[in-house]
N, C-alpha and C. Protein backbone atom coordinates (compact mmCIF):
# COMPACT_ATOMS: atom_id res chain seq x y z
N MET A 1 -18.19 51.01 28.46
CA MET A 1 -19.41 50.06 27.92
C MET A 1 -18.48 48.74 27.57
N THR A 2 -18.72 47.55 27.77
CA THR A 2 -18.39 46.40 27.31
C THR A 2 -18.94 45.81 26.31
N THR A 3 -17.86 45.15 25.24
CA THR A 3 -18.49 44.45 24.36
C THR A 3 -18.56 42.79 24.46
N THR A 4 -19.37 42.36 24.42
CA THR A 4 -19.54 40.85 24.99
C THR A 4 -19.36 39.78 23.74
N THR A 5 -18.56 39.09 23.97
CA THR A 5 -17.92 38.46 23.16
C THR A 5 -18.55 36.78 23.24
N TYR A 6 -19.81 36.53 23.64
CA TYR A 6 -20.67 35.50 23.58
C TYR A 6 -21.94 35.64 23.27
N THR A 7 -22.66 34.48 22.64
CA THR A 7 -23.98 34.82 22.36
C THR A 7 -24.76 34.27 23.10
N ALA A 8 -25.93 34.69 23.89
CA ALA A 8 -26.78 33.86 24.59
C ALA A 8 -27.83 33.44 23.74
N LEU A 9 -28.05 31.97 23.67
CA LEU A 9 -29.05 31.26 22.63
C LEU A 9 -30.41 31.01 23.13
N PRO A 10 -31.67 31.51 22.42
CA PRO A 10 -32.90 31.17 22.97
C PRO A 10 -33.23 29.71 22.40
N ILE A 11 -34.41 29.21 22.79
CA ILE A 11 -34.61 27.67 22.29
C ILE A 11 -34.91 28.00 20.74
N PRO A 12 -34.42 27.48 19.60
CA PRO A 12 -34.48 27.62 18.60
C PRO A 12 -35.88 27.39 18.16
N PRO A 13 -36.20 27.93 16.85
CA PRO A 13 -37.86 28.19 16.33
C PRO A 13 -38.16 26.76 16.00
N THR A 14 -37.27 26.06 15.30
CA THR A 14 -38.02 24.61 15.27
C THR A 14 -38.27 23.72 16.52
N ALA A 15 -37.38 23.97 17.52
CA ALA A 15 -37.78 23.50 19.04
C ALA A 15 -38.99 24.22 19.55
N LEU A 16 -39.18 25.39 19.38
CA LEU A 16 -40.30 26.01 20.01
C LEU A 16 -41.72 25.50 19.34
N ALA A 17 -41.41 25.48 17.84
CA ALA A 17 -42.94 24.95 17.22
C ALA A 17 -43.38 23.77 17.99
N GLN A 18 -42.34 22.65 17.85
CA GLN A 18 -42.87 21.21 18.53
C GLN A 18 -43.44 21.65 19.85
N LEU A 19 -42.50 22.27 20.70
CA LEU A 19 -42.99 22.36 22.03
C LEU A 19 -44.18 23.33 22.40
N ARG A 20 -44.23 23.98 21.43
CA ARG A 20 -46.06 24.55 21.51
C ARG A 20 -47.24 23.38 21.11
N ARG A 21 -46.86 22.39 20.69
CA ARG A 21 -47.69 21.21 20.15
C ARG A 21 -47.47 20.16 21.36
N THR A 22 -46.15 19.71 21.79
CA THR A 22 -46.35 18.52 22.61
C THR A 22 -44.73 18.75 23.34
N ASP A 23 -44.59 18.61 24.36
CA ASP A 23 -43.33 19.08 25.08
C ASP A 23 -42.40 18.14 25.07
N ASP A 24 -41.35 18.18 25.62
CA ASP A 24 -39.95 16.76 25.81
C ASP A 24 -40.54 15.97 26.71
N ALA A 25 -41.66 16.12 27.44
CA ALA A 25 -42.02 14.93 28.43
C ALA A 25 -43.05 14.45 27.56
N GLY A 26 -43.43 14.61 26.39
CA GLY A 26 -44.68 14.04 25.80
C GLY A 26 -45.96 14.56 26.16
N ARG A 27 -46.26 15.85 27.12
CA ARG A 27 -47.24 16.49 27.22
C ARG A 27 -48.11 17.28 26.40
N PRO A 28 -49.31 17.59 26.18
CA PRO A 28 -49.43 18.63 25.24
C PRO A 28 -49.23 20.26 25.74
N CYS A 29 -48.94 21.27 24.89
CA CYS A 29 -49.21 22.42 25.40
C CYS A 29 -50.24 22.91 25.92
N ALA A 30 -50.23 23.53 27.26
CA ALA A 30 -51.43 24.13 27.98
C ALA A 30 -51.42 25.83 28.04
N PRO A 31 -51.12 26.33 27.28
CA PRO A 31 -51.09 27.73 27.07
C PRO A 31 -52.07 28.37 28.29
N TYR A 32 -51.86 29.44 28.72
CA TYR A 32 -52.73 30.59 29.46
C TYR A 32 -52.51 31.69 29.52
N THR A 33 -52.85 32.48 30.34
CA THR A 33 -52.80 34.26 30.04
C THR A 33 -52.34 34.35 31.29
N VAL A 34 -51.21 35.18 31.59
CA VAL A 34 -50.54 35.69 33.12
C VAL A 34 -51.14 36.46 33.36
N GLY A 35 -51.13 36.55 34.87
CA GLY A 35 -51.98 37.63 35.73
C GLY A 35 -50.80 38.23 36.42
N GLU A 36 -51.03 39.35 37.17
CA GLU A 36 -49.98 40.17 37.81
C GLU A 36 -48.98 39.39 38.47
N ASP A 37 -49.57 38.34 39.23
CA ASP A 37 -48.92 37.39 40.22
C ASP A 37 -47.65 36.75 39.32
N GLY A 38 -47.87 36.14 37.75
CA GLY A 38 -46.96 35.59 37.20
C GLY A 38 -46.12 36.60 36.36
N ALA A 39 -46.09 37.89 36.46
CA ALA A 39 -45.32 38.51 35.61
C ALA A 39 -43.70 38.38 36.19
N GLY A 40 -42.77 38.74 35.24
CA GLY A 40 -41.43 38.21 35.37
C GLY A 40 -40.52 37.30 35.63
N SER A 41 -41.44 36.22 35.33
CA SER A 41 -40.99 34.70 35.05
C SER A 41 -39.86 34.91 33.68
N PRO A 42 -38.77 34.09 33.45
CA PRO A 42 -38.04 34.28 32.01
C PRO A 42 -38.47 33.47 31.33
N LEU A 43 -38.98 34.31 29.83
CA LEU A 43 -39.17 33.49 28.83
C LEU A 43 -38.25 32.92 28.13
N ARG A 44 -37.75 31.67 27.54
CA ARG A 44 -36.55 31.22 26.91
C ARG A 44 -37.05 31.19 25.47
N CYS A 45 -38.09 31.72 24.78
CA CYS A 45 -38.22 31.83 23.54
C CYS A 45 -37.52 33.53 23.02
N CYS A 46 -37.79 34.32 23.87
CA CYS A 46 -37.23 35.64 23.42
C CYS A 46 -36.48 36.27 24.39
N LEU A 47 -35.82 35.31 25.64
CA LEU A 47 -34.96 35.86 26.66
C LEU A 47 -35.27 37.27 27.19
N ARG A 48 -36.48 37.21 27.56
CA ARG A 48 -36.84 38.51 28.32
C ARG A 48 -37.90 38.15 29.51
N PRO A 49 -38.40 38.86 30.33
CA PRO A 49 -39.31 38.58 31.31
C PRO A 49 -40.69 38.37 30.87
N VAL A 50 -41.73 37.54 31.34
CA VAL A 50 -42.85 37.53 30.90
C VAL A 50 -43.77 38.86 31.50
N ALA A 51 -44.67 39.61 30.68
CA ALA A 51 -45.39 40.77 31.09
C ALA A 51 -46.85 40.04 31.41
N ALA A 52 -47.55 40.78 32.58
CA ALA A 52 -48.91 40.38 32.75
C ALA A 52 -50.02 40.45 31.21
N GLY A 53 -50.61 39.61 31.27
CA GLY A 53 -51.64 39.76 30.36
C GLY A 53 -51.12 39.10 29.01
N GLU A 54 -49.82 38.54 28.86
CA GLU A 54 -49.28 37.62 27.71
C GLU A 54 -49.72 36.07 27.94
N ARG A 55 -50.20 35.66 26.81
CA ARG A 55 -50.38 34.38 26.74
C ARG A 55 -48.96 33.05 26.75
N ILE A 56 -48.88 32.27 27.66
CA ILE A 56 -47.80 31.48 27.54
C ILE A 56 -48.14 30.08 27.84
N ALA A 57 -46.91 29.45 28.09
CA ALA A 57 -47.11 27.89 28.60
C ALA A 57 -46.13 27.64 29.21
N LEU A 58 -45.76 26.78 30.16
CA LEU A 58 -44.84 25.96 30.89
C LEU A 58 -44.80 24.92 30.39
N VAL A 59 -43.37 24.84 29.71
CA VAL A 59 -43.36 23.49 29.23
C VAL A 59 -42.19 22.60 29.64
N SER A 60 -41.75 21.36 29.43
CA SER A 60 -40.66 20.72 29.72
C SER A 60 -39.88 20.83 28.68
N TYR A 61 -38.70 21.28 28.63
CA TYR A 61 -37.50 21.23 27.76
C TYR A 61 -36.31 20.58 27.93
N ALA A 62 -35.86 19.80 26.90
CA ALA A 62 -34.57 18.73 27.29
C ALA A 62 -33.51 19.69 26.29
N PRO A 63 -32.72 20.50 26.52
CA PRO A 63 -31.74 21.48 25.65
C PRO A 63 -30.96 20.35 25.42
N LEU A 64 -30.14 19.51 26.06
CA LEU A 64 -29.19 19.11 25.60
C LEU A 64 -29.45 17.87 24.74
N ARG A 65 -30.90 17.42 24.95
CA ARG A 65 -31.40 16.49 24.01
C ARG A 65 -31.36 16.97 22.39
N ARG A 66 -31.61 18.08 22.46
CA ARG A 66 -32.04 18.37 21.26
C ARG A 66 -30.65 19.22 20.44
N TRP A 67 -30.13 19.44 21.19
CA TRP A 67 -28.60 19.82 21.00
C TRP A 67 -27.82 18.60 20.11
N ALA A 68 -28.19 17.29 20.90
CA ALA A 68 -27.58 16.02 20.35
C ALA A 68 -28.30 15.67 18.98
N VAL A 69 -29.04 15.93 19.01
CA VAL A 69 -30.23 15.28 17.85
C VAL A 69 -29.24 16.03 16.36
N GLU A 70 -29.21 17.38 16.92
CA GLU A 70 -28.53 18.21 15.99
C GLU A 70 -27.01 17.96 15.56
N THR A 71 -26.34 17.42 16.37
CA THR A 71 -24.68 17.40 16.37
C THR A 71 -24.63 15.90 16.01
N GLY A 72 -25.49 14.93 16.92
CA GLY A 72 -25.08 13.64 16.67
C GLY A 72 -24.41 13.01 17.90
N ALA A 73 -24.51 13.91 18.95
CA ALA A 73 -23.78 13.68 20.19
C ALA A 73 -24.69 12.61 21.00
N GLU A 74 -24.24 11.88 22.38
CA GLU A 74 -25.15 11.02 23.03
C GLU A 74 -24.58 10.84 24.46
N PRO A 75 -25.63 12.25 24.69
CA PRO A 75 -25.28 12.54 26.22
C PRO A 75 -25.57 11.57 27.22
N GLY A 76 -26.34 10.23 27.08
CA GLY A 76 -26.59 9.52 27.98
C GLY A 76 -27.41 9.88 29.25
N ALA A 77 -27.08 9.66 30.32
CA ALA A 77 -27.73 10.12 31.65
C ALA A 77 -27.64 11.33 31.75
N TYR A 78 -26.56 12.33 30.86
CA TYR A 78 -26.63 13.54 31.25
C TYR A 78 -27.75 14.30 30.56
N ASP A 79 -28.50 13.68 29.76
CA ASP A 79 -29.81 14.32 29.17
C ASP A 79 -30.84 14.50 30.18
N GLU A 80 -31.19 15.58 30.30
CA GLU A 80 -32.46 16.08 31.24
C GLU A 80 -33.57 17.04 30.68
N GLN A 81 -34.25 16.93 31.30
CA GLN A 81 -35.47 18.49 31.04
C GLN A 81 -36.04 18.73 32.14
N GLY A 82 -36.56 19.89 32.05
CA GLY A 82 -37.09 20.60 32.92
C GLY A 82 -38.05 21.70 32.50
N PRO A 83 -38.78 22.64 33.43
CA PRO A 83 -39.76 23.12 32.90
C PRO A 83 -39.18 24.77 32.32
N VAL A 84 -39.54 25.23 31.64
CA VAL A 84 -39.41 26.45 30.97
C VAL A 84 -40.53 27.07 30.53
N PHE A 85 -40.60 28.60 30.55
CA PHE A 85 -42.08 29.36 30.30
C PHE A 85 -41.44 29.72 28.52
N ILE A 86 -42.31 29.43 27.81
CA ILE A 86 -42.30 30.19 26.27
C ILE A 86 -43.71 30.91 25.92
N HIS A 87 -43.49 31.71 25.09
CA HIS A 87 -44.69 32.19 24.45
C HIS A 87 -45.57 31.34 24.04
N ALA A 88 -46.87 31.24 23.95
CA ALA A 88 -47.80 30.28 23.55
C ALA A 88 -47.94 30.33 22.08
N GLU A 89 -47.89 31.66 21.48
CA GLU A 89 -47.67 31.89 19.86
C GLU A 89 -46.06 32.21 19.72
N GLU A 90 -45.88 31.92 18.38
CA GLU A 90 -44.55 32.76 17.64
C GLU A 90 -44.39 34.28 18.10
N CYS A 91 -43.52 34.50 18.51
CA CYS A 91 -42.99 35.81 19.07
C CYS A 91 -42.01 36.59 18.65
N GLY A 92 -41.50 36.02 17.71
CA GLY A 92 -40.16 36.68 17.09
C GLY A 92 -38.89 36.47 17.73
N GLY A 93 -38.54 36.14 18.88
CA GLY A 93 -37.20 35.85 19.38
C GLY A 93 -36.95 37.32 20.18
N PRO A 94 -35.52 37.11 20.64
CA PRO A 94 -35.09 38.23 21.16
C PRO A 94 -35.03 39.39 20.68
N ASP A 95 -35.01 40.46 21.34
CA ASP A 95 -34.74 42.13 20.83
C ASP A 95 -33.43 42.06 20.68
N PRO A 96 -33.10 42.71 19.59
CA PRO A 96 -31.47 42.70 18.90
C PRO A 96 -30.97 43.88 19.80
N ASP A 97 -31.91 44.78 20.56
CA ASP A 97 -30.78 45.89 21.11
C ASP A 97 -31.19 45.55 22.79
N ALA A 98 -31.74 44.08 23.15
CA ALA A 98 -31.82 44.07 24.58
C ALA A 98 -30.27 43.46 24.93
N ALA A 99 -30.15 43.67 26.77
CA ALA A 99 -28.98 43.24 27.13
C ALA A 99 -28.41 41.79 26.30
N ALA A 100 -27.12 42.01 26.51
CA ALA A 100 -26.28 40.98 25.79
C ALA A 100 -26.51 39.45 26.19
N TYR A 101 -26.73 39.72 27.84
CA TYR A 101 -27.06 38.49 28.56
C TYR A 101 -28.58 38.63 29.47
N PRO A 102 -29.35 37.75 29.28
CA PRO A 102 -30.59 37.92 30.00
C PRO A 102 -30.70 37.39 31.14
N PHE A 103 -31.53 38.00 31.74
CA PHE A 103 -32.00 37.52 33.57
C PHE A 103 -30.67 37.60 34.00
N ASP A 104 -29.87 38.69 33.83
CA ASP A 104 -28.85 39.21 34.45
C ASP A 104 -28.78 39.94 35.64
N ARG A 105 -29.63 39.81 36.51
CA ARG A 105 -29.85 40.57 37.73
C ARG A 105 -28.49 40.46 38.58
N PRO A 106 -27.72 41.59 39.09
CA PRO A 106 -26.69 41.74 39.68
C PRO A 106 -27.10 40.71 40.98
N GLY A 107 -26.16 39.97 41.62
CA GLY A 107 -26.74 38.95 43.16
C GLY A 107 -27.47 38.16 42.84
N ALA A 108 -27.84 37.62 41.73
CA ALA A 108 -28.61 36.31 41.28
C ALA A 108 -27.57 35.41 40.86
N LEU A 109 -27.90 34.11 41.80
CA LEU A 109 -26.83 32.99 41.09
C LEU A 109 -26.99 32.12 39.99
N ARG A 110 -26.05 31.86 39.19
CA ARG A 110 -26.16 30.96 37.99
C ARG A 110 -25.25 29.94 38.17
N THR A 111 -25.44 28.81 37.77
CA THR A 111 -24.66 27.71 37.33
C THR A 111 -24.13 27.68 35.81
N LEU A 112 -22.99 27.53 35.47
CA LEU A 112 -22.58 27.13 34.39
C LEU A 112 -22.13 26.01 34.24
N ARG A 113 -22.88 25.13 33.36
CA ARG A 113 -22.66 23.59 33.47
C ARG A 113 -21.70 23.67 31.63
N ARG A 114 -20.62 22.84 31.80
CA ARG A 114 -20.21 22.76 30.70
C ARG A 114 -20.49 21.37 30.27
N TYR A 115 -20.28 21.25 28.71
CA TYR A 115 -20.37 19.93 27.88
C TYR A 115 -19.37 19.73 27.01
N ASP A 116 -19.39 18.63 26.65
CA ASP A 116 -18.31 18.47 25.49
C ASP A 116 -19.05 17.89 24.53
N ALA A 117 -18.28 17.68 23.42
CA ALA A 117 -18.98 17.42 21.94
C ALA A 117 -19.78 16.18 22.08
N ARG A 118 -19.65 15.16 22.96
CA ARG A 118 -20.29 13.89 23.31
C ARG A 118 -21.50 14.32 23.91
N GLY A 119 -21.69 15.60 24.53
CA GLY A 119 -22.94 15.80 25.69
C GLY A 119 -22.70 15.45 27.06
N ARG A 120 -21.30 15.26 27.63
CA ARG A 120 -21.05 14.57 28.68
C ARG A 120 -20.85 16.10 29.48
N ILE A 121 -20.91 16.01 30.84
CA ILE A 121 -20.36 17.68 31.63
C ILE A 121 -18.93 17.16 31.61
N VAL A 122 -18.41 18.38 31.61
CA VAL A 122 -16.86 18.51 31.83
C VAL A 122 -16.64 19.04 32.77
N GLY A 123 -17.52 19.88 33.48
CA GLY A 123 -17.32 20.80 34.43
C GLY A 123 -18.08 22.12 34.68
N GLY A 124 -18.11 22.99 35.56
CA GLY A 124 -19.13 23.71 35.67
C GLY A 124 -18.49 24.86 36.86
N ARG A 125 -19.44 25.99 36.88
CA ARG A 125 -19.06 26.76 37.92
C ARG A 125 -20.15 27.65 38.36
N LEU A 126 -20.10 27.82 39.51
CA LEU A 126 -21.14 29.01 40.27
C LEU A 126 -20.82 30.26 39.87
N LEU A 127 -21.73 31.03 39.34
CA LEU A 127 -21.51 32.44 39.11
C LEU A 127 -22.50 33.65 39.82
N GLU A 128 -21.88 34.22 40.85
CA GLU A 128 -22.71 35.08 41.22
C GLU A 128 -22.43 36.60 40.52
N ILE A 129 -23.83 36.82 39.56
CA ILE A 129 -23.95 38.00 38.71
C ILE A 129 -23.37 39.17 39.63
N PRO A 130 -22.10 40.05 39.00
CA PRO A 130 -21.72 41.01 39.51
C PRO A 130 -22.28 42.32 39.29
N GLU A 131 -22.09 43.31 39.48
CA GLU A 131 -22.93 44.81 38.90
C GLU A 131 -22.74 44.81 37.38
N GLU A 132 -21.46 44.60 37.05
CA GLU A 132 -21.20 44.59 35.69
C GLU A 132 -21.26 43.34 35.00
N ALA A 133 -22.51 42.88 35.02
CA ALA A 133 -23.09 41.72 34.36
C ALA A 133 -22.65 41.21 33.46
N GLY A 134 -22.33 41.76 32.51
CA GLY A 134 -21.71 41.26 30.87
C GLY A 134 -20.34 41.03 31.05
N GLU A 135 -19.36 41.95 31.88
CA GLU A 135 -18.15 41.54 32.03
C GLU A 135 -17.99 40.15 32.80
N GLY A 136 -19.09 39.93 33.91
CA GLY A 136 -18.74 38.72 34.78
C GLY A 136 -19.06 37.69 33.84
N PHE A 137 -19.98 37.60 32.83
CA PHE A 137 -20.33 36.42 32.15
C PHE A 137 -19.22 36.28 31.02
N ASP A 138 -18.85 37.34 30.80
CA ASP A 138 -17.79 37.32 29.72
C ASP A 138 -16.58 36.45 30.16
N ARG A 139 -16.39 36.79 31.48
CA ARG A 139 -15.02 35.99 32.27
C ARG A 139 -15.27 34.37 32.25
N ALA A 140 -16.41 34.52 32.88
CA ALA A 140 -17.02 33.04 32.95
C ALA A 140 -16.95 31.89 31.77
N PHE A 141 -17.59 32.74 30.61
CA PHE A 141 -17.76 32.03 29.72
C PHE A 141 -16.17 31.79 28.89
N ALA A 142 -15.16 32.79 28.95
CA ALA A 142 -13.72 32.47 28.53
C ALA A 142 -13.03 31.72 29.38
N GLU A 143 -13.44 31.62 30.65
CA GLU A 143 -12.65 30.26 31.56
C GLU A 143 -13.42 29.11 31.25
N ALA A 144 -14.71 28.97 30.89
CA ALA A 144 -15.49 27.86 30.36
C ALA A 144 -14.92 27.21 28.96
N PHE A 145 -14.68 28.16 27.72
CA PHE A 145 -13.96 27.95 26.34
C PHE A 145 -12.70 27.79 26.57
N ALA A 146 -11.98 28.22 27.46
CA ALA A 146 -10.65 27.93 27.53
C ALA A 146 -10.08 26.32 27.63
N ASP A 147 -11.36 25.76 28.05
CA ASP A 147 -10.93 24.42 28.21
C ASP A 147 -11.41 24.00 26.42
N PRO A 148 -10.35 23.19 25.70
CA PRO A 148 -10.69 23.15 24.37
C PRO A 148 -11.74 21.75 24.33
N ALA A 149 -11.66 20.99 25.23
CA ALA A 149 -13.22 19.92 25.18
C ALA A 149 -14.36 20.60 25.36
N VAL A 150 -14.42 21.78 25.82
CA VAL A 150 -15.89 22.46 26.19
C VAL A 150 -16.52 22.80 24.84
N ALA A 151 -17.76 22.11 24.29
CA ALA A 151 -18.80 22.60 23.20
C ALA A 151 -19.63 23.63 23.32
N LEU A 152 -20.14 23.74 24.57
CA LEU A 152 -21.15 24.35 25.13
C LEU A 152 -21.42 24.51 26.40
N VAL A 153 -22.21 25.54 26.82
CA VAL A 153 -22.44 26.06 28.24
C VAL A 153 -23.77 26.11 28.82
N HIS A 154 -24.63 25.50 29.58
CA HIS A 154 -25.92 25.90 29.86
C HIS A 154 -25.83 26.69 31.24
N VAL A 155 -26.65 27.74 31.16
CA VAL A 155 -26.65 28.85 32.39
C VAL A 155 -27.84 28.38 32.60
N ARG A 156 -28.08 27.93 34.08
CA ARG A 156 -29.18 27.73 34.85
C ARG A 156 -29.46 28.30 36.14
N ALA A 157 -30.61 28.89 36.50
CA ALA A 157 -31.02 29.64 37.65
C ALA A 157 -30.50 28.43 38.74
N VAL A 158 -29.70 28.96 39.83
CA VAL A 158 -29.41 28.24 41.03
C VAL A 158 -30.82 27.79 41.68
N GLU A 159 -31.50 28.74 42.09
CA GLU A 159 -32.68 28.59 42.89
C GLU A 159 -33.58 27.45 42.42
N TYR A 160 -34.00 27.47 41.25
CA TYR A 160 -34.77 26.49 40.86
C TYR A 160 -34.00 25.57 39.71
N GLY A 161 -32.97 25.52 39.36
CA GLY A 161 -32.32 24.83 38.30
C GLY A 161 -32.75 24.97 37.00
N CYS A 162 -33.54 25.72 36.83
CA CYS A 162 -34.03 26.18 35.51
C CYS A 162 -32.84 26.53 34.31
N PHE A 163 -33.09 25.88 33.22
CA PHE A 163 -32.37 26.42 32.22
C PHE A 163 -32.78 27.51 31.71
N GLN A 164 -31.60 28.64 31.64
CA GLN A 164 -31.75 30.05 31.48
C GLN A 164 -31.69 30.45 29.95
N PHE A 165 -30.48 30.03 29.62
CA PHE A 165 -30.08 29.99 27.86
C PHE A 165 -28.88 29.41 27.95
N GLU A 166 -28.20 28.96 26.39
CA GLU A 166 -27.05 28.18 26.14
C GLU A 166 -26.14 29.08 25.40
N VAL A 167 -24.75 29.01 25.42
CA VAL A 167 -23.76 29.66 24.61
C VAL A 167 -22.91 28.66 24.07
N ARG A 168 -22.76 28.29 22.73
CA ARG A 168 -21.91 27.67 22.18
C ARG A 168 -20.61 28.07 21.95
N ARG A 169 -19.90 27.13 21.57
CA ARG A 169 -18.49 27.49 20.96
C ARG A 169 -18.31 28.07 19.66
N ALA A 170 -18.20 29.33 19.60
CA ALA A 170 -17.85 29.95 18.34
C ALA A 170 -17.15 28.94 17.12
């Protein structure tokens, strides 16, 4: 059993409260109840898959923009927004006993995009999640943070480009 070194961060509660009213594209939140066909999509509020019957919303989220407000960074053209699923109401966040890295299906492809303290891309890499997912992510994050310029890493799904989670320099 491996101990992970890095922490996968969900969307912060203050951002979730705002997104549940108006998303980062300025659209009002439009909650709906998930049917059997929508189960399994990744929730970024609690870093687990959606279950049928849950009330969720698909919102536009700009993770780098929100981090920049927090830190004073100015990402410029690197600021981007994209679709993410969240619970329509407050959910309590990730389960502390859950896997260290969410959405860690072996064989899935992830992009690990690295940003500096100004919010500019300073590299990235493609990760095919190995059977030992935690070890694979740990190696990829260790590689990213070996560069002292890297302040945070965004993990995105390759298939849709969706933001999965963030890891920050400790």
